[in-house]
Protein backbone atom coordinates (compact mmCIF):
# COMPACT_ATOMS: atom_id res chain seq x y z
CA UNK A 1 11.86 -34.28 1.18
CA UNK A 2 11.88 -32.43 4.46
CA UNK A 3 8.74 -30.55 5.35
CA UNK A 4 10.93 -27.83 6.85
CA UNK A 5 12.63 -26.90 3.58
CA UNK A 6 11.22 -24.67 0.89
CA UNK A 7 11.91 -26.37 -2.41
CA UNK A 8 11.73 -24.32 -5.62
CA UNK A 9 10.00 -26.21 -8.41
CA UNK A 10 13.14 -25.88 -10.50
CA UNK A 11 14.78 -28.48 -8.28
CA UNK A 12 11.95 -30.96 -8.46
CA UNK A 13 12.54 -33.79 -10.87
CA UNK A 14 16.33 -33.49 -10.66
CA UNK A 15 16.99 -36.21 -8.11
CA UNK A 16 18.75 -39.43 -8.90
CA UNK A 17 15.42 -41.24 -8.91
CA UNK A 18 14.28 -38.87 -11.65
CA UNK A 19 11.20 -37.43 -9.94
CA UNK A 20 12.50 -35.51 -6.95
CA UNK A 21 10.22 -37.53 -4.64
CA UNK A 22 12.07 -39.01 -1.71
CA UNK A 23 9.44 -40.77 0.39
CA UNK A 24 9.27 -44.55 0.46
CA UNK A 25 6.40 -46.30 -1.30
CA UNK A 26 4.84 -47.36 2.00
CA UNK A 27 4.39 -43.81 3.39
CA UNK A 28 3.30 -41.98 0.21
CA UNK A 29 -0.44 -41.46 -0.35
CA UNK A 30 -0.24 -39.30 -3.51
CA UNK A 31 2.62 -39.08 -5.99
CA UNK A 32 2.47 -36.51 -8.80
CA UNK A 33 5.30 -36.69 -11.33
CA UNK A 34 5.83 -34.17 -14.17
CA UNK A 35 2.10 -33.75 -14.70
CA UNK A 36 0.87 -31.44 -17.45
CA UNK A 37 -2.54 -30.69 -18.94
CA UNK A 38 -2.94 -29.09 -22.35
CA UNK A 39 -6.11 -27.86 -24.08
CA UNK A 40 -6.75 -26.82 -27.67
CA UNK A 41 -8.22 -23.32 -27.96
CA UNK A 42 -10.13 -22.33 -31.08
CA UNK A 43 -10.99 -18.78 -32.13
CA UNK A 44 -14.30 -19.90 -33.67
CA UNK A 45 -16.57 -22.90 -32.87
CA UNK A 46 -16.59 -23.99 -36.52
CA UNK A 47 -12.80 -24.31 -36.50
CA UNK A 48 -13.14 -27.27 -34.15
CA UNK A 49 -15.17 -29.14 -36.78
CA UNK A 50 -12.84 -28.13 -39.61
CA UNK A 51 -9.84 -29.41 -37.68
CA UNK A 52 -11.30 -32.92 -37.67
CA UNK A 53 -11.05 -33.04 -41.48
CA UNK A 54 -7.56 -31.57 -41.83
CA UNK A 55 -5.79 -34.70 -40.58
CA UNK A 56 -3.00 -32.68 -38.99
CA UNK A 57 -2.05 -30.84 -42.19
CA UNK A 58 -2.96 -27.51 -40.63
CA UNK A 59 -3.62 -26.40 -37.08
CA UNK A 60 -6.58 -24.10 -36.48
CA UNK A 61 -6.01 -24.14 -32.74
CA UNK A 62 -3.43 -22.86 -30.29
CA UNK A 63 -2.16 -24.84 -27.32
CA UNK A 64 -2.94 -23.76 -23.78
CA UNK A 65 -1.17 -25.49 -20.91
CA UNK A 66 -3.28 -25.33 -17.75
CA UNK A 67 -0.53 -27.31 -15.98
CA UNK A 68 3.04 -28.02 -16.95
CA UNK A 69 5.63 -30.30 -15.29
CA UNK A 70 4.14 -30.32 -11.77
CA UNK A 71 5.70 -32.76 -9.30
CA UNK A 72 5.12 -33.27 -5.57
CA UNK A 73 4.07 -35.90 -3.07
CA UNK A 74 1.69 -36.18 -0.15
CA UNK A 75 2.57 -38.51 2.69
CA UNK A 76 0.01 -40.64 4.48
CA UNK A 77 -1.68 -38.59 7.20
CA UNK A 78 -0.28 -35.33 5.81
CA UNK A 79 -2.31 -32.22 4.95
CA UNK A 80 -1.06 -30.24 1.96
CA UNK A 81 -2.47 -26.86 0.96
CA UNK A 82 -2.53 -25.72 -2.66
CA UNK A 83 -2.48 -21.96 -3.10
CA UNK A 84 -2.37 -19.59 -6.05
CA UNK A 85 -4.39 -16.96 -7.84
CA UNK A 86 -7.51 -17.77 -9.86
CA UNK A 87 -6.50 -19.55 -13.06
CA UNK A 88 -3.27 -20.91 -11.59
CA UNK A 89 -4.31 -24.53 -12.29
CA UNK A 90 -5.35 -25.61 -8.78
CA UNK A 91 -8.72 -27.11 -9.71
CA UNK A 92 -7.27 -28.80 -12.80
CA UNK A 93 -4.61 -30.45 -10.64
CA UNK A 94 -7.16 -31.69 -8.12
CA UNK A 95 -9.37 -33.12 -10.87
CA UNK A 96 -6.41 -35.07 -12.25
CA UNK A 97 -5.56 -36.43 -8.79
CA UNK A 98 -9.21 -37.33 -8.18
CA UNK A 99 -9.29 -39.23 -11.48
CA UNK A 100 -11.99 -37.13 -13.18
CA UNK A 101 -9.50 -35.66 -15.66
CA UNK A 102 -6.65 -37.31 -17.55
CA UNK A 103 -3.25 -35.59 -17.68
CA UNK A 104 -1.66 -34.82 -21.04
CA UNK A 105 1.79 -35.65 -19.68
CA UNK A 106 3.18 -37.20 -16.51
CA UNK A 107 1.85 -39.71 -14.02
CA UNK A 108 -0.25 -39.67 -10.84
CA UNK A 109 -0.30 -42.49 -8.30
CA UNK A 110 -2.94 -42.48 -5.56
CA UNK A 111 -3.12 -45.08 -2.80
CA UNK A 112 -6.39 -45.50 -0.93
CA UNK A 113 -10.02 -44.45 -1.22
CA UNK A 114 -10.43 -40.86 -2.43
CA UNK A 115 -13.30 -38.54 -1.50
CA UNK A 116 -13.24 -35.32 -3.50
CA UNK A 117 -15.22 -32.08 -3.06
CA UNK A 118 -14.59 -30.43 -6.41
CA UNK A 119 -17.17 -28.43 -8.38
CA UNK A 120 -20.33 -27.68 -6.44
CA UNK A 121 -22.98 -30.28 -7.26
CA UNK A 122 -20.64 -32.62 -9.12
CA UNK A 123 -21.77 -36.21 -8.71
CA UNK A 124 -25.37 -35.19 -7.94
CA UNK A 125 -28.36 -35.96 -10.12
CA UNK A 126 -30.61 -32.87 -9.82
CA UNK A 127 -33.76 -34.96 -10.30
CA UNK A 128 -32.89 -37.34 -7.44
CA UNK A 129 -33.69 -36.57 -3.83
CA UNK A 130 -30.93 -35.90 -1.33
CA UNK A 131 -31.42 -39.39 0.07
CA UNK A 132 -31.05 -40.97 -3.37
CA UNK A 133 -27.97 -38.87 -4.11
CA UNK A 134 -26.31 -40.09 -0.91
CA UNK A 135 -26.51 -43.64 -2.23
CA UNK A 136 -25.54 -42.53 -5.76
CA UNK A 137 -22.43 -40.75 -4.48
CA UNK A 138 -21.57 -43.67 -2.26
CA UNK A 139 -21.75 -46.02 -5.23
CA UNK A 140 -19.52 -43.68 -7.27
CA UNK A 141 -17.01 -43.78 -4.42
CA UNK A 142 -17.09 -47.58 -4.53
CA UNK A 143 -18.99 -48.15 -1.28
CA UNK A 144 -21.40 -51.01 -0.79
CA UNK A 145 -25.05 -50.23 -0.06
CA UNK A 146 -24.66 -51.80 3.39
CA UNK A 147 -21.82 -49.43 4.31
CA UNK A 148 -23.76 -46.41 3.05
CA UNK A 149 -26.76 -47.45 5.13
CA UNK A 150 -24.55 -47.71 8.23
CA UNK A 151 -23.23 -44.18 7.64
CA UNK A 152 -26.52 -42.67 6.44
CA UNK A 153 -27.77 -41.27 9.76
CA UNK A 154 -24.39 -39.65 10.45
CA UNK A 155 -24.40 -38.06 6.98
CA UNK A 156 -27.90 -36.65 7.42
CA UNK A 157 -27.15 -35.35 10.92
CA UNK A 158 -23.99 -33.63 9.73
CA UNK A 159 -25.64 -32.07 6.66
CA UNK A 160 -28.49 -30.76 8.83
CA UNK A 161 -30.83 -29.97 5.94
CA UNK A 162 -33.94 -31.36 7.65
CA UNK A 163 -36.84 -32.57 5.54
CA UNK A 164 -35.10 -31.46 2.35
CA UNK A 165 -33.20 -34.76 2.40
CA UNK A 166 -36.29 -36.21 0.67
CA UNK A 167 -36.66 -33.38 -1.85
CA UNK A 168 -35.02 -33.21 -5.31
CA UNK A 169 -31.54 -31.69 -5.24
CA UNK A 170 -32.56 -29.20 -7.96
CA UNK A 171 -34.54 -27.39 -5.24
CA UNK A 172 -31.48 -26.99 -3.02
CA UNK A 173 -29.65 -23.74 -2.48
CA UNK A 174 -25.90 -23.78 -3.16
CA UNK A 175 -25.31 -23.86 0.61
CA UNK A 176 -27.57 -26.90 1.11
CA UNK A 177 -25.89 -28.70 -1.78
CA UNK A 178 -22.46 -28.03 -0.28
CA UNK A 179 -23.65 -29.27 3.13
CA UNK A 180 -24.80 -32.59 1.69
CA UNK A 181 -21.72 -33.02 -0.51
CA UNK A 182 -19.32 -32.37 2.36
CA UNK A 183 -21.26 -34.63 4.71
CA UNK A 184 -21.09 -37.53 2.25
CA UNK A 185 -17.38 -37.17 1.61
CA UNK A 186 -16.34 -36.51 5.20
CA UNK A 187 -18.49 -39.14 6.90
CA UNK A 188 -17.41 -42.15 4.84
CA UNK A 189 -13.94 -42.07 6.47
CA UNK A 190 -11.86 -41.90 3.26
CA UNK A 191 -8.11 -42.47 3.06
CA UNK A 192 -7.68 -39.24 1.07
CA UNK A 193 -9.90 -36.14 1.22
CA UNK A 194 -9.70 -33.46 -1.50
CA UNK A 195 -11.38 -30.10 -0.83
CA UNK A 196 -11.45 -27.45 -3.55
CA UNK A 197 -12.71 -24.10 -2.15
CA UNK A 198 -16.30 -25.37 -1.84
CA UNK A 199 -16.42 -24.47 1.87
CA UNK A 200 -16.66 -20.79 0.92
CA UNK A 201 -20.26 -21.41 -0.20
CA UNK A 202 -21.65 -22.32 3.23
CA UNK A 203 -22.48 -20.08 6.15
CA UNK A 204 -19.75 -19.44 8.69
CA UNK A 205 -21.30 -21.76 11.28
CA UNK A 206 -21.24 -24.72 8.92
CA UNK A 207 -17.75 -23.73 7.78
CA UNK A 208 -16.61 -23.99 11.39
CA UNK A 209 -18.29 -27.40 11.62
CA UNK A 210 -16.51 -28.52 8.45
CA UNK A 211 -13.13 -27.30 9.67
CA UNK A 212 -13.63 -29.23 12.91
CA UNK A 213 -14.41 -32.41 10.92
CA UNK A 214 -11.36 -31.86 8.70
CA UNK A 215 -9.19 -31.50 11.82
CA UNK A 216 -10.70 -34.73 13.17
CA UNK A 217 -9.96 -36.57 9.92
CA UNK A 218 -6.43 -35.22 10.07
CA UNK A 219 -5.98 -36.65 13.58
CA UNK A 220 -7.27 -39.97 12.29
CA UNK A 221 -4.45 -40.10 9.72
CA UNK A 222 -6.41 -39.12 6.60
CA UNK A 223 -4.32 -37.48 3.87
CA UNK A 224 -5.85 -34.15 2.87
CA UNK A 225 -5.41 -31.87 -0.15
CA UNK A 226 -6.88 -28.46 0.69
CA UNK A 227 -7.35 -25.50 -1.67
CA UNK A 228 -8.23 -22.12 -0.19
CA UNK A 229 -7.53 -18.42 -0.67
CA UNK A 230 -7.65 -17.94 3.12
CA UNK A 231 -3.94 -18.11 3.90
CA UNK A 232 -4.41 -18.10 7.67
CA UNK A 233 -6.63 -21.19 7.36
CA UNK A 234 -4.03 -22.89 5.15
CA UNK A 235 -1.27 -22.06 7.64
CA UNK A 236 -3.21 -23.38 10.63
CA UNK A 237 -4.43 -26.58 8.95
CA UNK A 238 -1.69 -27.70 6.57
CA UNK A 239 1.73 -29.26 7.10
CA UNK A 240 3.12 -28.28 3.70
CA UNK A 241 1.95 -26.16 0.79
CA UNK A 242 2.26 -26.04 -2.99
CA UNK A 243 2.30 -22.63 -4.70
CA UNK A 244 0.98 -22.73 -8.28
CA UNK A 245 1.19 -19.84 -10.73
CA UNK A 246 0.15 -19.94 -14.38
CA UNK A 247 0.12 -23.73 -14.35
CA UNK A 248 3.58 -24.18 -12.89
CA UNK A 249 4.70 -25.10 -9.39
CA UNK A 250 6.68 -22.19 -7.95
CA UNK A 251 7.48 -23.72 -4.56
CA UNK A 252 6.63 -26.71 -2.38
CA UNK A 253 7.55 -27.14 1.27
CA UNK A 254 7.00 -25.58 4.70
CA UNK A 255 3.53 -24.04 4.74
CA UNK A 256 4.55 -20.80 6.48
CA UNK A 257 7.35 -20.09 4.04
CA UNK A 258 5.36 -21.01 0.93
CA UNK A 259 2.38 -18.92 2.04
CA UNK A 260 4.64 -15.95 2.78
CA UNK A 261 6.26 -16.34 -0.65
CA UNK A 262 2.82 -16.33 -2.29
CA UNK A 263 1.86 -13.16 -0.39
CA UNK A 264 5.10 -11.45 -1.41
CA UNK A 265 4.73 -12.40 -5.08
CA UNK A 266 1.08 -11.29 -5.15
CA UNK A 267 1.91 -7.98 -3.49
CA UNK A 268 4.79 -7.35 -5.91
CA UNK A 269 2.56 -8.03 -8.92
CA UNK A 270 -0.17 -5.73 -7.61
CA UNK A 271 2.32 -2.95 -6.91
CA UNK A 272 3.84 -3.37 -10.38
CA UNK A 273 0.39 -3.10 -11.99
CA UNK A 274 -0.41 -0.01 -9.95
CA UNK A 275 2.90 1.65 -10.89
CA UNK A 276 2.22 1.05 -14.58
CA UNK A 277 -0.12 4.03 -14.45
CA UNK A 278 1.68 7.26 -15.22
CA UNK A 279 1.94 9.77 -12.40
CA UNK A 280 -0.56 12.03 -14.14
CA UNK A 281 -3.07 9.19 -14.50
CA UNK A 282 -2.64 8.25 -10.86
CA UNK A 283 -3.15 11.87 -9.84
CA UNK A 284 -6.37 12.06 -11.84
CA UNK A 285 -7.57 8.74 -10.40
CA UNK A 286 -6.95 9.72 -6.81
CA UNK A 287 -7.72 13.43 -6.78
CA UNK A 288 -10.19 14.63 -9.37
CA UNK A 289 -12.13 11.45 -10.08
CA UNK A 290 -12.43 10.49 -6.41
CA UNK A 291 -14.26 13.75 -5.83
CA UNK A 292 -16.57 13.02 -8.75
CA UNK A 293 -20.02 11.58 -8.18
CA UNK A 294 -19.51 9.29 -11.19
CA UNK A 295 -16.21 7.78 -10.07
CA UNK A 296 -15.34 4.32 -11.45
CA UNK A 297 -12.79 2.20 -9.62
CA UNK A 298 -9.47 1.57 -11.34
CA UNK A 299 -8.45 -1.22 -8.91
CA UNK A 300 -11.64 -3.24 -8.36
CA UNK A 301 -13.72 -5.28 -10.83
CA UNK A 302 -16.93 -3.60 -12.10
CA UNK A 303 -19.24 -2.94 -9.14
CA UNK A 304 -22.17 -5.13 -10.20
CA UNK A 305 -19.79 -8.00 -11.01
CA UNK A 306 -17.93 -7.87 -7.70
CA UNK A 307 -20.91 -7.80 -5.32
CA UNK A 308 -22.08 -11.24 -4.20
CA UNK A 309 -25.46 -10.39 -2.65
CA UNK A 310 -27.79 -7.40 -2.44
CA UNK A 311 -30.86 -6.91 -0.25
CA UNK A 312 -33.09 -4.00 0.74
CA UNK A 313 -35.99 -1.88 -0.42
CA UNK A 314 -33.98 -0.28 -3.22
CA UNK A 315 -35.11 3.34 -2.74
CA UNK A 316 -31.43 4.26 -2.45
CA UNK A 317 -28.59 2.23 -3.94
CA UNK A 318 -24.82 2.19 -3.69
CA UNK A 319 -23.13 2.18 -7.09
CA UNK A 320 -19.39 2.25 -6.30
CA UNK A 321 -16.99 1.52 -3.45
CA UNK A 322 -13.19 1.90 -3.31
CA UNK A 323 -10.32 1.83 -0.82
CA UNK A 324 -7.84 4.70 -0.57
CA UNK A 325 -4.58 5.16 1.32
CA UNK A 326 -2.22 8.16 1.15
CA UNK A 327 -4.49 9.84 -1.39
CA UNK A 328 -4.38 7.00 -3.92
CA UNK A 329 -6.88 4.29 -4.75
CA UNK A 330 -5.39 0.92 -3.75
CA UNK A 331 -6.38 -2.69 -3.25
CA UNK A 332 -3.56 -3.35 -0.78
CA UNK A 333 -3.22 -1.25 2.38
CA UNK A 334 -0.34 -1.13 4.85
CA UNK A 335 -0.89 -1.91 8.52
CA UNK A 336 -0.22 1.03 10.83
CA UNK A 337 -1.49 3.77 8.49
CA UNK A 338 -4.90 5.34 8.01
CA UNK A 339 -7.10 4.38 5.08
CA UNK A 340 -10.48 5.42 3.73
CA UNK A 341 -13.35 3.43 2.27
CA UNK A 342 -15.25 5.64 -0.14
CA UNK A 343 -18.79 4.75 -1.18
CA UNK A 344 -21.14 6.44 -3.65
CA UNK A 345 -24.90 6.36 -3.03
CA UNK A 346 -27.77 7.41 -5.32
CA UNK A 347 -31.31 8.16 -4.10
CA UNK A 348 -34.15 6.81 -6.23
CA UNK A 349 -36.87 8.54 -4.17
CA UNK A 350 -37.11 11.39 -1.67
CA UNK A 351 -35.75 10.56 1.78
CA UNK A 352 -37.44 12.88 4.27
CA UNK A 353 -35.96 11.51 7.49
CA UNK A 354 -32.50 11.08 9.00
CA UNK A 355 -30.94 7.78 7.90
CA UNK A 356 -28.09 5.54 8.97
CA UNK A 357 -25.16 4.52 6.75
CA UNK A 358 -22.23 2.26 7.54
CA UNK A 359 -19.68 -0.33 6.52
CA UNK A 360 -18.91 -3.78 7.92
CA UNK A 361 -15.49 -5.39 7.47
CA UNK A 362 -15.26 -9.19 7.24
CA UNK A 363 -12.47 -11.66 6.58
CA UNK A 364 -12.84 -14.38 3.94
CA UNK A 365 -14.14 -16.81 6.56
CA UNK A 366 -17.14 -14.48 6.98
CA UNK A 367 -16.12 -13.34 10.46
CA UNK A 368 -17.44 -9.83 11.19
CA UNK A 369 -14.46 -7.86 12.51
CA UNK A 370 -15.66 -4.28 12.97
CA UNK A 371 -18.17 -1.73 11.70
CA UNK A 372 -18.24 2.05 11.20
CA UNK A 373 -21.75 3.42 11.52
CA UNK A 374 -23.17 6.95 11.31
CA UNK A 375 -25.71 6.26 14.06
CA UNK A 376 -23.16 5.16 16.66
CA UNK A 377 -20.60 7.72 15.47
CA UNK A 378 -23.03 10.59 16.00
CA UNK A 379 -22.82 11.61 12.33
CA UNK A 380 -26.46 11.50 11.11
CA UNK A 381 -27.07 11.05 7.39
CA UNK A 382 -29.42 13.92 6.56
CA UNK A 383 -32.55 13.88 4.31
CA UNK A 384 -32.03 13.73 0.53
CA UNK A 385 -34.03 14.38 -2.61
CA UNK A 386 -34.71 11.99 -5.47
CA UNK A 387 -31.71 11.93 -7.81
CA UNK A 388 -29.23 13.08 -5.19
CA UNK A 389 -25.82 11.39 -5.32
CA UNK A 390 -23.64 11.37 -2.22
CA UNK A 391 -20.04 10.36 -1.65
CA UNK A 392 -19.47 8.92 1.83
CA UNK A 393 -15.98 8.55 3.31
CA UNK A 394 -15.38 6.05 6.13
CA UNK A 395 -11.92 6.43 7.67
CA UNK A 396 -10.06 4.18 10.09
CA UNK A 397 -6.50 3.24 11.13
CA UNK A 398 -5.42 -0.10 9.67
CA UNK A 399 -4.78 -2.46 12.60
CA UNK A 400 -5.89 -5.64 10.83
CA UNK A 401 -3.46 -8.54 10.50
CA UNK A 402 -2.20 -9.40 7.00
CA UNK A 403 -5.01 -11.12 5.09
CA UNK A 404 -7.80 -10.41 2.60
CA UNK A 405 -10.94 -8.59 3.72
CA UNK A 406 -14.30 -7.56 2.25
CA UNK A 407 -16.53 -4.52 2.72
CA UNK A 408 -20.31 -4.66 3.20
CA UNK A 409 -22.24 -1.40 2.68
CA UNK A 410 -25.59 -0.54 4.23
CA UNK A 411 -28.18 2.23 4.56
CA UNK A 412 -31.12 2.04 6.98
CA UNK A 413 -34.09 4.42 6.79
CA UNK A 414 -34.88 5.77 9.32
CA UNK A 415 -32.00 5.24 11.76
CA UNK A 416 -32.13 1.67 13.13
CA UNK A 417 -34.92 1.07 10.63
CA UNK A 418 -35.35 -0.89 7.41
CA UNK A 419 -32.53 -1.54 4.97
CA UNK A 420 -32.90 0.45 1.78
CA UNK A 421 -29.73 -1.15 0.46
CA UNK A 422 -27.26 -3.70 1.80
CA UNK A 423 -24.42 -4.75 -0.51
CA UNK A 424 -22.07 -7.64 0.25
CA UNK A 425 -18.53 -7.73 -1.17
CA UNK A 426 -18.75 -4.09 -2.28
CA UNK A 427 -14.94 -3.94 -2.20
CA UNK A 428 -12.09 -6.33 -1.48
CA UNK A 429 -8.70 -5.33 -0.09
CA UNK A 430 -5.55 -6.92 1.25
CA UNK A 431 -3.60 -5.86 4.35
CA UNK A 432 0.19 -6.19 4.54
CA UNK A 433 2.79 -5.06 7.05
CA UNK A 434 5.54 -2.71 5.96
CA UNK A 435 8.37 -5.04 6.92
CA UNK A 436 6.51 -8.28 6.31
CA UNK A 437 6.40 -9.05 10.03
CA UNK A 438 4.04 -11.67 11.42
CA UNK A 439 0.99 -10.37 13.34
CA UNK A 440 -0.58 -12.90 15.73
CA UNK A 441 -4.36 -12.81 15.99
CA UNK A 442 -6.73 -10.74 13.89
CA UNK A 443 -5.51 -7.26 14.86
CA UNK A 444 -2.23 -5.55 15.61
CA UNK A 445 -3.57 -4.06 18.82
CA UNK A 446 -1.75 -1.35 20.71
CA UNK A 447 -1.22 -1.91 24.43
CA UNK A 448 1.22 -1.16 27.22
CA UNK A 449 3.84 -3.27 28.98
CA UNK A 450 5.55 -2.38 32.24
CA UNK A 451 8.45 -4.08 34.00
CA UNK A 452 8.50 -3.64 37.78
CA UNK A 453 11.30 -5.48 39.55
CA UNK A 454 11.38 -6.62 43.19
CA UNK A 455 7.68 -6.01 43.80
CA UNK A 456 6.21 -8.10 46.59
CA UNK A 457 2.70 -9.52 46.26
CA UNK A 458 0.15 -7.71 48.41
CA UNK A 459 -2.56 -10.29 48.90
CA UNK A 460 -5.06 -7.58 49.84
CA UNK A 461 -4.62 -5.81 46.53
CA UNK A 462 -5.28 -7.00 43.01
CA UNK A 463 -3.77 -3.90 41.43
CA UNK A 464 -0.08 -4.77 41.76
CA UNK A 465 1.90 -6.84 39.28
CA UNK A 466 3.12 -10.20 40.47
CA UNK A 467 6.85 -10.90 40.63
CA UNK A 468 7.80 -14.57 40.68
CA UNK A 469 5.63 -17.68 40.46
CA UNK A 470 2.54 -18.22 42.59
CA UNK A 471 2.21 -21.54 44.39
CA UNK A 472 -0.01 -23.88 42.42
CA UNK A 473 0.33 -21.94 39.15
CA UNK A 474 1.48 -23.78 36.04
CA UNK A 475 4.78 -22.50 34.69
CA UNK A 476 4.70 -21.61 30.99
């Protein structure tokens, strides 16, 4: 199977060998053939007990297939990304490959030692210290105590959790737990590394450290299965990709083409959902309700469910945030056109001084890309009374590259003062280009290009363009 060819799942399993897998046994690290996973769903808990006494005469359950007929292979030293929306079956597939879950149908063959970062905290005993859990995890992975002791200092240095290594894991934050889990799995030099979105828990500095270690393992010939919603990360790290949707493999092959297919399918589905609103409903959503101080988003999850963190004094609080383009609320904006982020803020007490409000735009890797701020924009946020509700509109031209981004809201009282409210993940939106063109970098930045022929280099001036190569310069 060529890594340069996009292979629809419909063609997998139709080869003469019967599985659609063409690599030789010696160069295949993971072979997945027609794998399916089915669960019984019951409407009521008591039906599960009743079913045990019916001996198959009646079914009180309905079948749910989390995976169905999935086939692909991972070569030794290859990195394969698995992408898809939440609920597509990615985690179920990784658990089956890791051996923590049995498939209902099909077969999986894995060659070599597997280190898997699946659910956060899996494999840890919360009552044990970090040190004890290092040895426990090592034993689960089949390592001898002597080998764990040889790698112990490297694991602790990489995790960088200080004296907490000798404290019970139940006292750890989710970020500390992820640090230790990744350090254990990455420092034992496995043959196969499986990473299931756990890196999103850590801070961006440790994420960068983890990505560097993954790249190092890749250079060392480790086979890697990598799940992430950050498509740019998948594209830069992986050789091939598998696109899962509703438990079925849609495509497997060249990472750029599979990732672009996933983006196109996701965009089409979102546009179809948006168009299902009647024109009158859409008009109400975008025009009348947007001007209301009690607006509720029709495109985002409920506000308190979507935010991931909130800090501040609490004397004023944001209660809604939405993204608009061309007068309509959207969750996908088009590069090259203006958009607006609308936020609604309620004051719990009197605010007798000028304040500062703003937004911060981040990508899914946590990188802060740009901010719009009333203080630096010269648009002071004036004093308010208790009970006042204010709608704030932040506008900007969309120059971001295609990806997914988050909005952080903030209000400081007074200007440059203390946070009264800071809300992370207040809204999430996707950026696409109108023609689907590729945008290098993080922004589609406007610039100028000039072509000046037959211009001689004036060595006394640095303002003239250079025509022809300079002696000693490396040709590109």
